Amino acid sequence: MSNNERLNLGKKASWIGIIGNIALTSVKAFIGYIAGSTAMIADALHSGTDIVGTAIVLQGLKISHQPPDEEHHYGHGKAESIVAKIIAILLFATAFGIGISALKTLRSPELKAPSSIAIWPAVISIIFKEWMYRYTVSIGKKIDSRALIADAWHHRTDAFSSVAALIGITGAVLGYPILDPLAGIIVAVMIMKAAISIYWDAVHELMDSAPPKEIIEAIKKLTTEIEGIHDIQDIKARKTGNQIFVDMKICVDKLITVEEGHALAGKAKHAILKHIENIRDVLIHVNPCPIYEKESMQNQGKEDKT
């Protein structure tokens, strides 16, 4: 998949999310206000942060696809990990605000049950946001975008919060008004949990985490299949956004020329770039094989004896 195709898919998913969340936030905030539902208003605030979060993701996707420049020799791929951290912080701040608001309502001496009209936006939100999660996470995995996957979980936490809001509102309408602010607290806890998970994943990627072991094994297999490369002495790889940079040391016969060693490294690099998706660059250092040096000395000794 080309960078343009990847960017276009990401932008499409982001714009669908932005438009959908604007509609949901407006409806939930309006009905939550007229129905007097703390849980629904909290749910509307959560949908509102989705708009901001998705807009940040959209900008992050654009930045991550910019080519390398004088200040960023390895490109801008880590912009997506930074965006994922920002989304996590937004989620956590939203959860904190929702929790405080729900606690204040819970301590109120007079708890009033919300109107039953607040039930319907919660039902619509659950259906739409779960669909948005499935759609966005599928695109995120397809283009290997940490930011888009984080945004997908933003959608799912909104669906979960709508479930909690639905339970709270329904219970309050049936005569248990305390369930409405309690549902708001549950929503806050669920959002905080998702925020911590997203933040940790983003930090892990910013620390130059290695790609999956399957990719490392595939690199080793492709390299050792090339005739003339006898061993891999070291291999390191790190992710920058969806792109992978590889550094490795190969072992060749010490008696071949520099040009021949360079050609073997070129064959390995070409094979890796051709057969493994998302590999951006491969740097290969060529070393003489100790075993061949030992064999050469043994052969030289035998010749001297004869």
Protein backbone atom coordinates (compact mmCIF):
# COMPACT_ATOMS: atom_id res chain seq x y z
CA MET A 1 0.00 0.00 0.00
CA SER A 2 1.38 3.40 -0.98
CA ASN A 3 1.67 6.31 1.46
CA ASN A 4 -1.06 8.22 -0.41
CA GLU A 5 -3.48 5.28 -0.17
CA ARG A 6 -2.71 4.91 3.53
CA LEU A 7 -3.26 8.62 4.16
CA ASN A 8 -6.53 8.70 2.19
CA LEU A 9 -7.96 5.75 4.14
CA GLY A 10 -6.98 7.36 7.43
CA LYS A 11 -8.50 10.72 6.44
CA LYS A 12 -11.74 9.06 5.35
CA ALA A 13 -12.13 7.23 8.67
CA SER A 14 -11.31 10.41 10.59
CA TRP A 15 -13.84 12.59 8.75
CA ILE A 16 -16.60 10.01 9.21
CA GLY A 17 -15.81 10.04 12.92
CA ILE A 18 -15.79 13.84 13.17
CA ILE A 19 -19.13 14.30 11.39
CA GLY A 20 -20.78 11.47 13.32
CA ASN A 21 -19.55 12.75 16.67
CA ILE A 22 -20.72 16.31 16.00
CA ALA A 23 -24.23 14.96 15.42
CA LEU A 24 -24.14 12.67 18.46
CA THR A 25 -22.73 15.31 20.81
CA SER A 26 -25.39 17.82 19.81
CA VAL A 27 -28.26 15.38 20.27
CA LYS A 28 -27.01 13.92 23.56
CA ALA A 29 -26.19 17.31 25.10
CA PHE A 30 -29.58 18.77 24.16
CA ILE A 31 -31.66 15.81 25.33
CA GLY A 32 -29.47 15.29 28.42
CA TYR A 33 -30.11 18.92 29.40
CA ILE A 34 -33.89 18.92 28.89
CA ALA A 35 -34.19 15.44 30.49
CA GLY A 36 -32.03 16.39 33.47
CA SER A 37 -29.72 13.40 33.08
CA THR A 38 -26.21 13.63 34.55
CA ALA A 39 -25.20 10.39 32.83
CA MET A 40 -26.35 11.61 29.41
CA ILE A 41 -24.61 14.98 29.75
CA ALA A 42 -21.43 13.14 30.79
CA ASP A 43 -21.83 10.92 27.75
CA ALA A 44 -22.23 14.01 25.54
CA LEU A 45 -18.99 15.45 26.94
CA HIS A 46 -17.24 12.21 26.09
CA SER A 47 -18.51 12.39 22.50
CA GLY A 48 -17.30 15.99 22.39
CA THR A 49 -13.76 14.93 23.25
CA ASP A 50 -14.01 12.42 20.40
CA ILE A 51 -14.36 15.32 17.97
CA VAL A 52 -11.21 16.98 19.29
CA GLY A 53 -9.35 13.68 19.43
CA THR A 54 -10.23 12.69 15.87
CA ALA A 55 -9.26 16.15 14.58
CA ILE A 56 -5.86 15.70 16.24
CA VAL A 57 -5.54 12.24 14.70
CA LEU A 58 -6.30 13.69 11.27
CA GLN A 59 -3.56 16.28 11.66
CA GLY A 60 -1.16 13.66 13.02
CA LEU A 61 -1.75 11.44 9.99
CA LYS A 62 -0.92 14.33 7.67
CA ILE A 63 2.30 15.13 9.56
CA SER A 64 3.39 11.48 9.73
CA HIS A 65 3.25 11.20 5.94
CA GLN A 66 5.55 14.14 5.33
CA PRO A 67 8.88 13.06 3.79
CA PRO A 68 12.21 13.22 5.69
CA ASP A 69 13.82 16.64 5.90
CA GLU A 70 16.97 18.26 7.31
CA GLU A 71 15.63 18.16 10.86
CA HIS A 72 13.94 14.74 10.69
CA HIS A 73 16.19 12.32 8.81
CA TYR A 74 13.97 9.34 9.61
CA GLY A 75 10.73 11.01 8.60
CA HIS A 76 7.77 12.03 10.78
CA GLY A 77 6.23 8.64 11.55
CA LYS A 78 6.37 9.09 15.31
CA ALA A 79 3.81 11.90 15.02
CA GLU A 80 1.15 9.18 15.24
CA SER A 81 2.49 7.91 18.57
CA ILE A 82 2.55 11.48 19.90
CA VAL A 83 -1.06 11.91 18.78
CA ALA A 84 -2.03 8.70 20.59
CA LYS A 85 -0.53 10.14 23.80
CA ILE A 86 -2.50 13.36 23.35
CA ILE A 87 -5.73 11.39 22.90
CA ALA A 88 -4.98 9.42 26.06
CA ILE A 89 -4.46 12.66 28.02
CA LEU A 90 -7.73 14.07 26.64
CA LEU A 91 -9.55 10.90 27.64
CA PHE A 92 -8.12 11.02 31.15
CA ALA A 93 -9.03 14.71 31.60
CA THR A 94 -12.56 14.02 30.36
CA ALA A 95 -12.94 11.07 32.71
CA PHE A 96 -11.77 13.20 35.65
CA GLY A 97 -14.30 15.93 34.84
CA ILE A 98 -17.13 13.42 34.45
CA GLY A 99 -16.23 11.75 37.74
CA ILE A 100 -16.18 15.05 39.68
CA SER A 101 -19.52 16.11 38.19
CA ALA A 102 -21.12 12.76 39.02
CA LEU A 103 -19.80 12.86 42.61
CA LYS A 104 -21.25 16.34 43.13
CA THR A 105 -24.63 15.12 41.86
CA LEU A 106 -24.41 12.04 44.07
CA ARG A 107 -23.86 14.22 47.16
CA SER A 108 -26.83 16.40 46.30
CA PRO A 109 -29.57 16.13 48.94
CA GLU A 110 -32.24 16.00 46.26
CA LEU A 111 -31.73 13.48 43.49
CA LYS A 112 -34.21 13.76 40.66
CA ALA A 113 -34.86 11.03 38.13
CA PRO A 114 -34.25 12.10 34.52
CA SER A 115 -36.93 11.97 31.86
CA SER A 116 -37.29 8.70 29.92
CA ILE A 117 -36.54 10.62 26.69
CA ALA A 118 -32.85 10.36 27.62
CA ILE A 119 -32.94 6.61 26.94
CA TRP A 120 -33.16 6.92 23.15
CA PRO A 121 -29.96 8.89 22.49
CA ALA A 122 -28.08 6.31 24.60
CA VAL A 123 -29.42 3.45 22.46
CA ILE A 124 -28.56 5.24 19.21
CA SER A 125 -25.10 6.12 20.53
CA ILE A 126 -24.33 2.50 21.50
CA ILE A 127 -25.17 1.23 18.01
CA PHE A 128 -23.39 4.00 16.11
CA LYS A 129 -20.27 4.14 18.28
CA GLU A 130 -19.76 0.38 18.24
CA TRP A 131 -19.98 0.49 14.44
CA MET A 132 -17.51 3.39 14.41
CA TYR A 133 -15.12 1.39 16.61
CA ARG A 134 -15.22 -1.65 14.31
CA TYR A 135 -14.81 0.45 11.17
CA THR A 136 -12.00 2.65 12.54
CA VAL A 137 -10.03 -0.18 14.14
CA SER A 138 -10.21 -2.20 10.91
CA ILE A 139 -8.78 0.76 8.96
CA GLY A 140 -6.22 1.39 11.71
CA LYS A 141 -4.97 -2.20 11.53
CA LYS A 142 -5.03 -2.16 7.74
CA ILE A 143 -2.76 0.89 7.55
CA ASP A 144 -0.94 0.04 10.81
CA SER A 145 -1.74 3.36 12.46
CA ARG A 146 -1.34 3.56 16.26
CA ALA A 147 -3.15 6.92 16.29
CA LEU A 148 -6.17 5.62 14.39
CA ILE A 149 -6.40 2.50 16.57
CA ALA A 150 -6.29 4.75 19.66
CA ASP A 151 -9.10 6.83 18.14
CA ALA A 152 -11.08 3.64 17.53
CA TRP A 153 -10.83 2.81 21.23
CA HIS A 154 -12.01 6.35 21.88
CA HIS A 155 -15.18 5.39 19.97
CA ARG A 156 -15.55 2.14 21.90
CA THR A 157 -15.21 3.81 25.29
CA ASP A 158 -17.97 6.16 24.14
CA ALA A 159 -20.13 3.11 23.35
CA PHE A 160 -19.34 1.67 26.79
CA SER A 161 -20.17 4.97 28.45
CA SER A 162 -23.49 5.01 26.60
CA VAL A 163 -24.23 1.52 27.93
CA ALA A 164 -23.51 2.72 31.47
CA ALA A 165 -25.60 5.84 30.85
CA LEU A 166 -28.48 3.71 29.54
CA ILE A 167 -28.41 1.52 32.64
CA GLY A 168 -28.25 4.54 34.93
CA ILE A 169 -31.02 6.45 33.17
CA THR A 170 -33.32 3.41 32.96
CA GLY A 171 -32.76 2.60 36.62
CA ALA A 172 -33.40 6.21 37.63
CA VAL A 173 -36.62 6.33 35.60
CA LEU A 174 -37.77 3.13 37.34
CA GLY A 175 -37.40 4.77 40.73
CA TYR A 176 -33.71 4.57 41.57
CA PRO A 177 -32.38 8.10 40.82
CA ILE A 178 -29.04 7.33 42.48
CA LEU A 179 -28.20 5.05 39.54
CA ASP A 180 -27.84 8.04 37.17
CA PRO A 181 -24.80 9.68 38.89
CA LEU A 182 -23.43 6.22 39.72
CA ALA A 183 -23.47 5.46 36.01
CA GLY A 184 -21.52 8.68 35.43
CA ILE A 185 -18.83 7.47 37.86
CA ILE A 186 -18.65 4.08 36.12
CA VAL A 187 -18.25 5.88 32.78
CA ALA A 188 -15.36 7.91 34.23
CA VAL A 189 -13.56 4.79 35.52
CA MET A 190 -13.94 3.00 32.17
CA ILE A 191 -12.57 5.99 30.25
CA MET A 192 -9.60 6.31 32.62
CA LYS A 193 -8.73 2.65 32.13
CA ALA A 194 -8.78 3.02 28.34
CA ALA A 195 -6.71 6.24 28.57
CA ILE A 196 -3.97 4.55 30.61
CA SER A 197 -3.79 1.64 28.15
CA ILE A 198 -3.55 3.93 25.10
CA TYR A 199 -0.94 6.13 26.79
CA TRP A 200 1.25 3.16 27.73
CA ASP A 201 1.15 1.73 24.19
CA ALA A 202 2.17 5.11 22.75
CA VAL A 203 5.06 5.46 25.22
CA HIS A 204 6.22 1.95 24.34
CA GLU A 205 6.34 2.81 20.64
CA LEU A 206 8.14 6.12 21.24
CA MET A 207 10.88 4.16 23.03
CA ASP A 208 11.81 2.52 19.69
CA SER A 209 10.06 -0.75 20.41
CA ALA A 210 10.93 -3.70 18.19
CA PRO A 211 8.45 -5.00 15.61
CA PRO A 212 6.79 -8.42 16.17
CA LYS A 213 9.11 -11.44 16.34
CA GLU A 214 7.54 -12.80 13.15
CA ILE A 215 9.00 -9.87 11.20
CA ILE A 216 12.48 -10.41 12.69
CA GLU A 217 12.32 -14.11 11.78
CA ALA A 218 11.21 -13.26 8.24
CA ILE A 219 14.17 -10.88 7.86
CA LYS A 220 16.57 -13.59 9.08
CA LYS A 221 15.09 -16.18 6.72
CA LEU A 222 15.27 -13.94 3.65
CA THR A 223 18.86 -12.96 4.45
CA THR A 224 20.28 -16.41 5.15
CA GLU A 225 18.68 -17.82 1.98
CA ILE A 226 21.05 -15.67 -0.10
CA GLU A 227 24.04 -17.70 -1.27
CA GLY A 228 27.26 -16.23 0.09
CA ILE A 229 25.75 -14.91 3.35
CA HIS A 230 26.76 -17.45 5.98
CA ASP A 231 25.33 -15.94 9.15
CA ILE A 232 23.61 -12.97 10.78
CA GLN A 233 25.68 -11.71 13.69
CA ASP A 234 23.26 -9.06 14.88
CA ILE A 235 19.87 -7.66 13.91
CA LYS A 236 17.99 -4.69 15.35
CA ALA A 237 14.76 -3.10 14.19
CA ARG A 238 12.59 -0.24 15.44
CA LYS A 239 9.22 1.15 14.53
CA THR A 240 8.58 4.75 13.55
CA GLY A 241 4.85 5.06 13.07
CA ASN A 242 3.93 2.24 10.71
CA GLN A 243 7.44 2.11 9.21
CA ILE A 244 10.29 -0.15 10.30
CA PHE A 245 14.00 0.64 10.17
CA VAL A 246 16.41 -2.32 10.26
CA ASP A 247 20.11 -2.44 11.23
CA MET A 248 21.94 -5.72 10.84
CA LYS A 249 25.36 -7.34 10.57
CA ILE A 250 25.95 -10.18 8.15
CA CYS A 251 28.86 -12.58 7.95
CA VAL A 252 30.58 -13.46 4.62
CA ASP A 253 33.75 -15.22 3.51
CA LYS A 254 36.67 -12.92 4.36
CA LEU A 255 38.42 -13.78 1.08
CA ILE A 256 35.82 -12.16 -1.17
CA THR A 257 36.30 -8.58 -2.36
CA VAL A 258 34.66 -5.51 -0.84
CA GLU A 259 32.59 -5.18 -4.00
CA GLU A 260 31.33 -8.77 -3.68
CA GLY A 261 30.44 -8.24 -0.01
CA HIS A 262 28.60 -5.04 -0.89
CA ALA A 263 26.66 -6.90 -3.62
CA LEU A 264 25.55 -9.57 -1.12
CA ALA A 265 24.35 -6.88 1.28
CA GLY A 266 22.46 -5.24 -1.58
CA LYS A 267 20.73 -8.53 -2.44
CA ALA A 268 19.67 -8.95 1.19
CA LYS A 269 18.34 -5.40 1.39
CA HIS A 270 16.40 -5.75 -1.86
CA ALA A 271 14.81 -9.04 -0.72
CA ILE A 272 13.75 -7.57 2.63
CA LEU A 273 12.26 -4.42 1.10
CA LYS A 274 10.45 -6.45 -1.55
CA HIS A 275 8.89 -9.15 0.61
CA ILE A 276 8.21 -7.47 3.97
CA GLU A 277 5.64 -4.67 4.11
CA ASN A 278 6.35 -1.38 5.89
CA ILE A 279 10.14 -1.79 5.91
CA ARG A 280 11.39 1.74 5.19
CA ASP A 281 15.15 1.15 5.15
CA VAL A 282 17.74 -1.54 5.86
CA LEU A 283 21.31 -0.76 6.89
CA ILE A 284 23.64 -3.75 6.56
CA HIS A 285 27.21 -3.98 7.86
CA VAL A 286 29.37 -6.71 6.30
CA ASN A 287 31.77 -8.68 8.56
CA PRO A 288 34.20 -11.54 7.77
CA CYS A 289 33.08 -14.88 9.20
CA PRO A 290 35.36 -16.18 11.98
CA ILE A 291 34.66 -19.77 10.96
CA TYR A 292 35.94 -19.12 7.47
CA GLU A 293 39.02 -17.39 8.86
CA LYS A 294 39.72 -20.49 10.95
CA GLU A 295 39.19 -22.83 8.00
CA SER A 296 41.49 -20.70 5.85
CA MET A 297 44.26 -20.96 8.49
CA GLN A 298 43.78 -24.73 8.71
CA ASN A 299 43.94 -25.08 4.94
CA GLN A 300 47.06 -22.90 4.84
CA GLY A 301 48.67 -25.18 7.47
CA LYS A 302 47.95 -28.25 5.43
CA GLU A 303 49.48 -26.66 2.33
CA ASP A 304 52.64 -25.75 4.30
CA LYS A 305 53.07 -29.37 5.46
CA THR A 306 52.83 -30.69 1.94
